[in-house]
Structures are given as C-alpha cells and as structure tokens.
Amino acid sequence: MTMRELPINICPVPTEQQPVNEYENLKESWFFRWATLENKSYWRKIAWIGLIGWVLTSPIAAASFPPQKSPFLFVLCNNLGGGLMITLIIIQLGLGWRYVGDRLKKETIFYEESGWYDGQTWLKPPEVLTRDRLIFSYQVDPILKRLTRTAAIVGGMIIGDTIVWLCL
C-alpha cells in the first residue's frame, strides 16, 4: 500500500491538494527529484548546471575580459555566471520542497474546492498529522538540509571569487 492509498477519514481536500500527494508528485517530478538523488548523481547534476552557466556566460565574459589579455578575470567572471545558474536552480528546488514541507508540517490545510474564490481550511486528524510530520522529518527535511548545504557551498565559492576579484 503506497502513501496515496492510505485511508483518510473523509478528507474534504481534493486529492491533488493533499500534502502527501503533493509530496509524491514532487518526488516523481523530473526536476524536483534531483534533490532526492544519491550524492554522486546529485553533484553531477549540479556540476552540469554550473558548466552550462559557465558556457552561457563565456561570450559576455570574453567581451568584457578577452581571454588572451585577462585570462584570470575571464575565468572569475565565468565562475560567477556558473554560480549564479546553480543558485537559481537551488532556489527553485528549495521553494518547491519548502512549500510541500510546510504543508506536511501544518495542522490545518488550506485548499480550494473549485477555484480561488472558495478556499476552505481542513484540520488534519491526529493520525494524518503524525504521518505527514514523519514524512517531513524523514524525507523532506534531509532534502532541505542538503539544498541549504549546497547553497552555502556555492555561496562560499561566489564570495571567494568576489573577494579575489576585488583584490586584483
């Protein structure tokens, strides 16, 4: 029995808006499942994103700092571009996982019955609240911590490049 099939005592929340189903959908999503990959695969994706950012910023960096004249500044500028690309991806991943995590942790769930104008609130029964908080603690929270560590590493690299830039 999967989490989607667990019985819920007359839950008025539409299936696609139930936090456990939002979690399952996010986990199966092409983009958001990146954060659930094993370390080697995860860091490979991050490195590819950085490389793509590096390639995309190369023409701008080359126009500003010709590689023949200023190779060091050219590389620093590209590193900043790659770091920016990774940062944008990490922010998007973090926002998606944070949203689902917040809905899993909350005692009450806001949902829309048929449109934006008729929102309702549902108080989770204790067994659903316990299940959702366990999912958060053991599945979502480690992902959020990983994304935070990645953001700190990339932020440190960007700050380091900026300091080197300013010292030149």
C-alpha atoms as a PDB file:
ATOM      1  CA  MET A   1       0.000   0.000   0.000  1.00  0.00           C
ATOM      2  CA  THR A   2       1.507   3.340  -1.053  1.00  0.00           C
ATOM      3  CA  MET A   3       1.072   6.598   0.815  1.00  0.00           C
ATOM      4  CA  ARG A   4      -1.544   7.668  -1.722  1.00  0.00           C
ATOM      5  CA  GLU A   5      -3.688   4.652  -0.872  1.00  0.00           C
ATOM      6  CA  LEU A   6      -3.666   5.152   2.878  1.00  0.00           C
ATOM      7  CA  PRO A   7      -7.192   5.560   4.205  1.00  0.00           C
ATOM      8  CA  ILE A   8      -8.106   9.055   5.340  1.00  0.00           C
ATOM      9  CA  ASN A   9     -11.253   9.699   7.352  1.00  0.00           C
ATOM     10  CA  ILE A  10     -13.456  11.617   4.924  1.00  0.00           C
ATOM     11  CA  CYS A  11     -10.875  14.115   3.800  1.00  0.00           C
ATOM     12  CA  PRO A  12     -12.552  17.045   2.004  1.00  0.00           C
ATOM     13  CA  VAL A  13      -9.273  18.199   0.445  1.00  0.00           C
ATOM     14  CA  PRO A  14      -9.106  17.397  -3.294  1.00  0.00           C
ATOM     15  CA  THR A  15      -6.666  14.554  -3.964  1.00  0.00           C
ATOM     16  CA  GLU A  16      -4.128  16.701  -5.828  1.00  0.00           C
ATOM     17  CA  GLN A  17      -4.048  19.243  -2.951  1.00  0.00           C
ATOM     18  CA  GLN A  18      -3.456  16.744  -0.147  1.00  0.00           C
ATOM     19  CA  PRO A  19       0.069  17.273   1.209  1.00  0.00           C
ATOM     20  CA  VAL A  20       1.065  13.608   0.958  1.00  0.00           C
ATOM     21  CA  ASN A  21       0.054  13.559  -2.715  1.00  0.00           C
ATOM     22  CA  GLU A  22       1.844  16.850  -3.352  1.00  0.00           C
ATOM     23  CA  TYR A  23       4.931  15.250  -1.815  1.00  0.00           C
ATOM     24  CA  GLU A  24       4.611  12.143  -4.018  1.00  0.00           C
ATOM     25  CA  ASN A  25       4.129  14.283  -7.142  1.00  0.00           C
ATOM     26  CA  LEU A  26       7.147  16.422  -6.295  1.00  0.00           C
ATOM     27  CA  LYS A  27       9.267  13.339  -5.612  1.00  0.00           C
ATOM     28  CA  GLU A  28       8.325  11.905  -9.029  1.00  0.00           C
ATOM     29  CA  SER A  29       8.760  15.193 -10.904  1.00  0.00           C
ATOM     30  CA  TRP A  30      11.599  15.316 -13.440  1.00  0.00           C
ATOM     31  CA  PHE A  31      13.112  18.487 -11.996  1.00  0.00           C
ATOM     32  CA  PHE A  32      12.353  18.258  -8.280  1.00  0.00           C
ATOM     33  CA  ARG A  33      13.551  14.685  -7.885  1.00  0.00           C
ATOM     34  CA  TRP A  34      17.085  15.941  -8.498  1.00  0.00           C
ATOM     35  CA  ALA A  35      17.218  16.798  -4.813  1.00  0.00           C
ATOM     36  CA  THR A  36      16.453  13.158  -3.919  1.00  0.00           C
ATOM     37  CA  LEU A  37      19.273  11.622  -5.968  1.00  0.00           C
ATOM     38  CA  GLU A  38      22.253   9.866  -4.417  1.00  0.00           C
ATOM     39  CA  ASN A  39      25.219  12.142  -3.698  1.00  0.00           C
ATOM     40  CA  LYS A  40      27.214  11.283  -6.823  1.00  0.00           C
ATOM     41  CA  SER A  41      24.273  11.819  -9.182  1.00  0.00           C
ATOM     42  CA  TYR A  42      23.151  14.940  -7.319  1.00  0.00           C
ATOM     43  CA  TRP A  43      26.577  16.610  -7.529  1.00  0.00           C
ATOM     44  CA  ARG A  44      26.919  15.566 -11.171  1.00  0.00           C
ATOM     45  CA  LYS A  45      23.663  17.452 -11.949  1.00  0.00           C
ATOM     46  CA  ILE A  46      24.900  20.484 -10.009  1.00  0.00           C
ATOM     47  CA  ALA A  47      28.221  20.389 -11.881  1.00  0.00           C
ATOM     48  CA  TRP A  48      26.401  20.205 -15.239  1.00  0.00           C
ATOM     49  CA  ILE A  49      24.275  23.205 -14.314  1.00  0.00           C
ATOM     50  CA  GLY A  50      27.436  25.102 -13.343  1.00  0.00           C
ATOM     51  CA  LEU A  51      29.082  24.125 -16.621  1.00  0.00           C
ATOM     52  CA  ILE A  52      26.032  25.271 -18.592  1.00  0.00           C
ATOM     53  CA  GLY A  53      26.143  28.583 -16.716  1.00  0.00           C
ATOM     54  CA  TRP A  54      29.856  28.835 -17.428  1.00  0.00           C
ATOM     55  CA  VAL A  55      29.292  28.281 -21.169  1.00  0.00           C
ATOM     56  CA  LEU A  56      26.369  30.734 -21.305  1.00  0.00           C
ATOM     57  CA  THR A  57      28.365  33.485 -19.626  1.00  0.00           C
ATOM     58  CA  SER A  58      31.531  32.887 -21.693  1.00  0.00           C
ATOM     59  CA  PRO A  59      30.570  35.279 -24.512  1.00  0.00           C
ATOM     60  CA  ILE A  60      29.794  38.041 -22.021  1.00  0.00           C
ATOM     61  CA  ALA A  61      32.985  37.396 -20.089  1.00  0.00           C
ATOM     62  CA  ALA A  62      35.025  37.247 -23.316  1.00  0.00           C
ATOM     63  CA  ALA A  63      33.592  40.592 -24.454  1.00  0.00           C
ATOM     64  CA  SER A  64      34.419  42.168 -21.096  1.00  0.00           C
ATOM     65  CA  PHE A  65      37.725  40.417 -20.431  1.00  0.00           C
ATOM     66  CA  PRO A  66      39.362  38.920 -23.520  1.00  0.00           C
ATOM     67  CA  PRO A  67      40.834  35.537 -22.509  1.00  0.00           C
ATOM     68  CA  GLN A  68      44.147  36.359 -24.257  1.00  0.00           C
ATOM     69  CA  LYS A  69      44.643  39.569 -22.248  1.00  0.00           C
ATOM     70  CA  SER A  70      42.941  38.778 -18.925  1.00  0.00           C
ATOM     71  CA  PRO A  71      42.546  35.013 -18.564  1.00  0.00           C
ATOM     72  CA  PHE A  72      42.174  35.180 -14.793  1.00  0.00           C
ATOM     73  CA  LEU A  73      39.366  37.767 -14.899  1.00  0.00           C
ATOM     74  CA  PHE A  74      37.703  35.810 -17.710  1.00  0.00           C
ATOM     75  CA  VAL A  75      37.656  32.659 -15.547  1.00  0.00           C
ATOM     76  CA  LEU A  76      36.443  34.559 -12.463  1.00  0.00           C
ATOM     77  CA  CYS A  77      33.596  36.126 -14.431  1.00  0.00           C
ATOM     78  CA  ASN A  78      32.579  32.731 -15.809  1.00  0.00           C
ATOM     79  CA  ASN A  79      32.743  31.190 -12.332  1.00  0.00           C
ATOM     80  CA  LEU A  80      30.351  33.843 -11.089  1.00  0.00           C
ATOM     81  CA  GLY A  81      27.997  33.095 -14.001  1.00  0.00           C
ATOM     82  CA  GLY A  82      28.087  29.365 -13.277  1.00  0.00           C
ATOM     83  CA  GLY A  83      27.500  30.034  -9.587  1.00  0.00           C
ATOM     84  CA  LEU A  84      24.533  32.243 -10.418  1.00  0.00           C
ATOM     85  CA  MET A  85      22.988  29.490 -12.561  1.00  0.00           C
ATOM     86  CA  ILE A  86      23.406  26.935  -9.759  1.00  0.00           C
ATOM     87  CA  THR A  87      21.972  29.418  -7.264  1.00  0.00           C
ATOM     88  CA  LEU A  88      18.832  29.908  -9.355  1.00  0.00           C
ATOM     89  CA  ILE A  89      18.318  26.137  -9.630  1.00  0.00           C
ATOM     90  CA  ILE A  90      18.853  25.636  -5.879  1.00  0.00           C
ATOM     91  CA  ILE A  91      16.382  28.418  -5.092  1.00  0.00           C
ATOM     92  CA  GLN A  92      13.727  26.823  -7.314  1.00  0.00           C
ATOM     93  CA  LEU A  93      14.298  23.367  -5.808  1.00  0.00           C
ATOM     94  CA  GLY A  94      14.225  24.836  -2.309  1.00  0.00           C
ATOM     95  CA  LEU A  95      10.984  26.722  -2.889  1.00  0.00           C
ATOM     96  CA  GLY A  96       9.199  23.612  -4.151  1.00  0.00           C
ATOM     97  CA  TRP A  97      10.402  21.358  -1.337  1.00  0.00           C
ATOM     98  CA  ARG A  98       9.832  24.055   1.314  1.00  0.00           C
ATOM     99  CA  TYR A  99       6.230  24.544   0.171  1.00  0.00           C
ATOM    100  CA  VAL A 100       5.444  20.835   0.415  1.00  0.00           C
ATOM    101  CA  GLY A 101       7.318  20.555   3.711  1.00  0.00           C
ATOM    102  CA  ASP A 102       5.320  23.403   5.214  1.00  0.00           C
ATOM    103  CA  ARG A 103       2.041  21.779   4.155  1.00  0.00           C
ATOM    104  CA  LEU A 104       3.135  18.461   5.640  1.00  0.00           C
ATOM    105  CA  LYS A 105       4.014  20.077   8.998  1.00  0.00           C
ATOM    106  CA  LYS A 106       0.894  22.208   9.411  1.00  0.00           C
ATOM    107  CA  GLU A 107      -2.079  21.059  11.484  1.00  0.00           C
ATOM    108  CA  THR A 108      -4.522  22.749   9.146  1.00  0.00           C
ATOM    109  CA  ILE A 109      -4.536  22.680   5.371  1.00  0.00           C
ATOM    110  CA  PHE A 110      -5.895  25.440   3.196  1.00  0.00           C
ATOM    111  CA  TYR A 111      -7.398  24.139  -0.022  1.00  0.00           C
ATOM    112  CA  GLU A 112      -9.561  25.328  -2.897  1.00  0.00           C
ATOM    113  CA  GLU A 113     -12.721  23.414  -3.665  1.00  0.00           C
ATOM    114  CA  SER A 114     -13.361  24.640  -7.185  1.00  0.00           C
ATOM    115  CA  GLY A 115     -11.465  27.921  -7.589  1.00  0.00           C
ATOM    116  CA  TRP A 116      -9.551  30.700  -5.887  1.00  0.00           C
ATOM    117  CA  TYR A 117     -12.732  32.267  -4.521  1.00  0.00           C
ATOM    118  CA  ASP A 118     -13.942  29.378  -2.341  1.00  0.00           C
ATOM    119  CA  GLY A 119     -10.975  28.354  -0.212  1.00  0.00           C
ATOM    120  CA  GLN A 120     -11.510  26.201   2.860  1.00  0.00           C
ATOM    121  CA  THR A 121      -9.429  25.013   5.782  1.00  0.00           C
ATOM    122  CA  TRP A 122      -9.234  21.408   6.976  1.00  0.00           C
ATOM    123  CA  LEU A 123      -7.930  20.323  10.369  1.00  0.00           C
ATOM    124  CA  LYS A 124      -5.880  17.158   9.975  1.00  0.00           C
ATOM    125  CA  PRO A 125      -6.868  14.249  12.211  1.00  0.00           C
ATOM    126  CA  PRO A 126      -4.070  13.148  14.611  1.00  0.00           C
ATOM    127  CA  GLU A 127      -3.084  10.051  12.570  1.00  0.00           C
ATOM    128  CA  VAL A 128      -2.795  12.073   9.349  1.00  0.00           C
ATOM    129  CA  LEU A 129      -0.834  14.810  11.121  1.00  0.00           C
ATOM    130  CA  THR A 130       1.544  12.213  12.601  1.00  0.00           C
ATOM    131  CA  ARG A 131       2.038  10.529   9.216  1.00  0.00           C
ATOM    132  CA  ASP A 132       2.657  13.858   7.462  1.00  0.00           C
ATOM    133  CA  ARG A 133       5.137  15.028  10.089  1.00  0.00           C
ATOM    134  CA  LEU A 134       7.021  11.734   9.875  1.00  0.00           C
ATOM    135  CA  ILE A 135       7.240  12.155   6.099  1.00  0.00           C
ATOM    136  CA  PHE A 136       8.554  15.658   6.657  1.00  0.00           C
ATOM    137  CA  SER A 137      11.101  14.574   9.270  1.00  0.00           C
ATOM    138  CA  TYR A 138      12.497  11.587   7.406  1.00  0.00           C
ATOM    139  CA  GLN A 139      12.055  12.540   3.747  1.00  0.00           C
ATOM    140  CA  VAL A 140      11.673  16.287   3.181  1.00  0.00           C
ATOM    141  CA  ASP A 141      13.831  17.779   5.950  1.00  0.00           C
ATOM    142  CA  PRO A 142      17.009  15.958   4.795  1.00  0.00           C
ATOM    143  CA  ILE A 143      16.395  17.288   1.275  1.00  0.00           C
ATOM    144  CA  LEU A 144      16.016  20.836   2.590  1.00  0.00           C
ATOM    145  CA  LYS A 145      19.225  20.453   4.616  1.00  0.00           C
ATOM    146  CA  ARG A 146      21.063  19.183   1.532  1.00  0.00           C
ATOM    147  CA  LEU A 147      19.861  22.150  -0.514  1.00  0.00           C
ATOM    148  CA  THR A 148      20.921  24.516   2.271  1.00  0.00           C
ATOM    149  CA  ARG A 149      24.412  22.948   2.363  1.00  0.00           C
ATOM    150  CA  THR A 150      24.661  23.209  -1.417  1.00  0.00           C
ATOM    151  CA  ALA A 151      23.615  26.856  -1.301  1.00  0.00           C
ATOM    152  CA  ALA A 152      26.242  27.515   1.387  1.00  0.00           C
ATOM    153  CA  ILE A 153      28.968  25.846  -0.697  1.00  0.00           C
ATOM    154  CA  VAL A 154      28.016  27.743  -3.853  1.00  0.00           C
ATOM    155  CA  GLY A 155      27.630  30.965  -1.870  1.00  0.00           C
ATOM    156  CA  GLY A 156      31.112  30.448  -0.415  1.00  0.00           C
ATOM    157  CA  MET A 157      32.533  29.947  -3.890  1.00  0.00           C
ATOM    158  CA  ILE A 158      30.821  33.090  -5.167  1.00  0.00           C
ATOM    159  CA  ILE A 159      32.059  35.106  -2.186  1.00  0.00           C
ATOM    160  CA  GLY A 160      35.561  33.697  -2.669  1.00  0.00           C
ATOM    161  CA  ASP A 161      35.556  34.663  -6.348  1.00  0.00           C
ATOM    162  CA  THR A 162      34.253  38.112  -5.468  1.00  0.00           C
ATOM    163  CA  ILE A 163      36.987  38.643  -2.859  1.00  0.00           C
ATOM    164  CA  VAL A 164      39.677  37.568  -5.332  1.00  0.00           C
ATOM    165  CA  TRP A 165      38.103  39.901  -7.917  1.00  0.00           C
ATOM    166  CA  LEU A 166      38.198  42.841  -5.508  1.00  0.00           C
ATOM    167  CA  CYS A 167      41.803  42.140  -4.526  1.00  0.00           C
ATOM    168  CA  LEU A 168      43.030  42.362  -8.119  1.00  0.00           C
END
